[in-house]
């Protein structure tokens, strides 16, 4: 049965309409390992300060996303990406085979977005997270 079963018929639908947010900002955080990422997201949830969307990618998903990234953004962009990778792996000591990332979406007024973003990045720093 069910709404998608062979005998299910949808007879009524309720929709909620919300206004578009005044400000929308995307971000990401790189963590040295999955455990640090989980601990950070747990604290963010516990403090009820989560952004509109937050997703933790394990190392396999993270590396897969890196492999799919297009490399046609120009020489300067490639240089900046290489410097970032060098900083994360050589200076911060993250293991490329253990690190993971969280993707973020902040929505609201400009002030709300800026406050929530700062709050989330401050919590991430306690778990060795680096804004990416």
Protein backbone atom coordinates (compact mmCIF):
# COMPACT_ATOMS: atom_id res chain seq x y z
CA UNK A 1 0.00 0.00 0.00
CA UNK A 2 1.37 3.47 0.76
CA UNK A 3 1.30 6.60 -1.32
CA UNK A 4 3.61 5.11 -3.93
CA UNK A 5 2.27 1.56 -3.89
CA UNK A 6 0.12 0.01 -6.56
CA UNK A 7 -3.09 0.74 -4.64
CA UNK A 8 -2.15 4.16 -3.22
CA UNK A 9 -3.98 7.25 -4.40
CA UNK A 10 -2.99 10.73 -3.28
CA UNK A 11 -6.16 12.70 -2.62
CA UNK A 12 -4.81 15.67 -0.68
CA UNK A 13 -1.53 17.57 -0.50
CA UNK A 14 -0.40 20.25 1.94
CA UNK A 15 2.35 22.65 0.91
CA UNK A 16 4.19 25.24 2.95
CA UNK A 17 5.34 28.32 1.06
CA UNK A 18 8.20 30.32 2.52
CA UNK A 19 9.76 33.53 1.23
CA UNK A 20 13.20 33.32 -0.33
CA UNK A 21 15.98 34.21 2.11
CA UNK A 22 17.54 37.65 1.79
CA UNK A 23 21.03 36.14 1.95
CA UNK A 24 22.38 32.74 0.96
CA UNK A 25 25.99 31.72 1.58
CA UNK A 26 27.80 28.43 0.90
CA UNK A 27 30.82 27.17 2.79
CA UNK A 28 32.82 24.11 3.69
CA UNK A 29 35.09 22.87 6.44
CA UNK A 30 37.92 20.32 6.15
CA UNK A 31 38.56 18.06 9.16
CA UNK A 32 41.63 15.88 9.83
CA UNK A 33 39.42 12.78 10.15
CA UNK A 34 35.81 11.64 10.19
CA UNK A 35 35.69 11.43 14.00
CA UNK A 36 36.53 15.14 14.35
CA UNK A 37 33.84 15.98 11.80
CA UNK A 38 31.20 13.91 13.62
CA UNK A 39 32.12 15.48 16.99
CA UNK A 40 31.85 18.97 15.50
CA UNK A 41 28.47 18.33 13.87
CA UNK A 42 27.17 16.82 17.11
CA UNK A 43 28.12 19.96 19.02
CA UNK A 44 26.54 22.19 16.38
CA UNK A 45 23.32 20.12 16.62
CA UNK A 46 23.43 20.08 20.43
CA UNK A 47 23.70 23.87 20.53
CA UNK A 48 20.86 24.15 18.00
CA UNK A 49 22.97 26.33 15.78
CA UNK A 50 22.98 24.31 12.57
CA UNK A 51 22.97 26.16 9.25
CA UNK A 52 20.14 25.63 6.75
CA UNK A 53 22.02 22.61 5.38
CA UNK A 54 25.07 20.73 6.62
CA UNK A 55 26.51 17.49 5.24
CA UNK A 56 29.56 15.55 6.38
CA UNK A 57 31.44 13.74 3.62
CA UNK A 58 33.65 10.81 4.57
CA UNK A 59 37.11 10.44 3.04
CA UNK A 60 35.90 8.32 0.14
CA UNK A 61 33.21 10.84 -0.86
CA UNK A 62 35.65 13.71 -0.36
CA UNK A 63 38.29 12.15 -2.63
CA UNK A 64 35.64 11.24 -5.22
CA UNK A 65 34.44 14.85 -5.29
CA UNK A 66 38.03 16.05 -5.72
CA UNK A 67 38.53 13.62 -8.61
CA UNK A 68 35.40 14.90 -10.36
CA UNK A 69 36.32 18.57 -9.97
CA UNK A 70 36.97 20.22 -13.31
CA UNK A 71 40.42 21.62 -13.93
CA UNK A 72 39.51 24.29 -16.51
CA UNK A 73 39.44 27.28 -14.14
CA UNK A 74 42.73 28.73 -15.24
CA UNK A 75 46.33 28.71 -14.13
CA UNK A 76 45.89 31.12 -11.21
CA UNK A 77 43.02 29.08 -9.76
CA UNK A 78 45.10 25.88 -10.09
CA UNK A 79 48.01 27.57 -8.30
CA UNK A 80 45.75 28.68 -5.43
CA UNK A 81 44.29 25.16 -5.17
CA UNK A 82 47.79 23.66 -4.99
CA UNK A 83 48.81 26.14 -2.27
CA UNK A 84 45.68 25.22 -0.27
CA UNK A 85 46.46 21.51 -0.62
CA UNK A 86 50.06 22.10 0.45
CA UNK A 87 48.89 24.09 3.49
CA UNK A 88 46.39 21.41 4.57
CA UNK A 89 48.72 18.44 4.11
CA UNK A 90 52.19 19.77 4.87
CA UNK A 91 51.65 22.62 7.33
CA UNK A 92 48.50 21.42 9.15
CA UNK A 93 49.52 17.75 8.81
CA UNK A 94 46.20 16.39 7.52
CA UNK A 95 46.44 12.89 6.00
CA UNK A 96 44.88 12.98 2.52
CA UNK A 97 43.58 9.43 3.11
CA UNK A 98 41.82 10.30 6.40
CA UNK A 99 40.53 13.85 6.08
CA UNK A 100 36.89 14.62 5.41
CA UNK A 101 34.79 17.70 4.74
CA UNK A 102 31.47 19.25 5.68
CA UNK A 103 29.49 21.30 3.19
CA UNK A 104 27.40 24.17 4.54
CA UNK A 105 24.54 26.40 3.44
CA UNK A 106 23.61 29.47 5.48
CA UNK A 107 20.31 31.29 4.84
CA UNK A 108 18.56 34.27 6.41
CA UNK A 109 19.19 37.97 6.71
CA UNK A 110 22.76 39.11 6.07
CA UNK A 111 23.28 39.65 9.80
CA UNK A 112 21.86 36.20 10.71
CA UNK A 113 24.01 34.49 8.09
CA UNK A 114 27.19 36.24 9.26
CA UNK A 115 26.50 35.42 12.92
CA UNK A 116 25.65 31.77 12.25
CA UNK A 117 28.67 31.37 9.94
CA UNK A 118 31.05 32.75 12.58
CA UNK A 119 29.49 30.56 15.27
CA UNK A 120 29.80 27.37 13.15
CA UNK A 121 33.39 28.11 12.10
CA UNK A 122 34.35 28.86 15.72
CA UNK A 123 32.99 25.47 16.81
CA UNK A 124 34.77 23.75 13.90
CA UNK A 125 38.07 25.28 14.99
CA UNK A 126 37.76 23.45 18.34
CA UNK A 127 37.77 20.17 16.35
CA UNK A 128 40.70 21.17 14.11
CA UNK A 129 38.35 22.10 11.28
CA UNK A 130 39.61 24.55 8.67
CA UNK A 131 37.29 26.64 6.47
CA UNK A 132 37.84 25.51 2.90
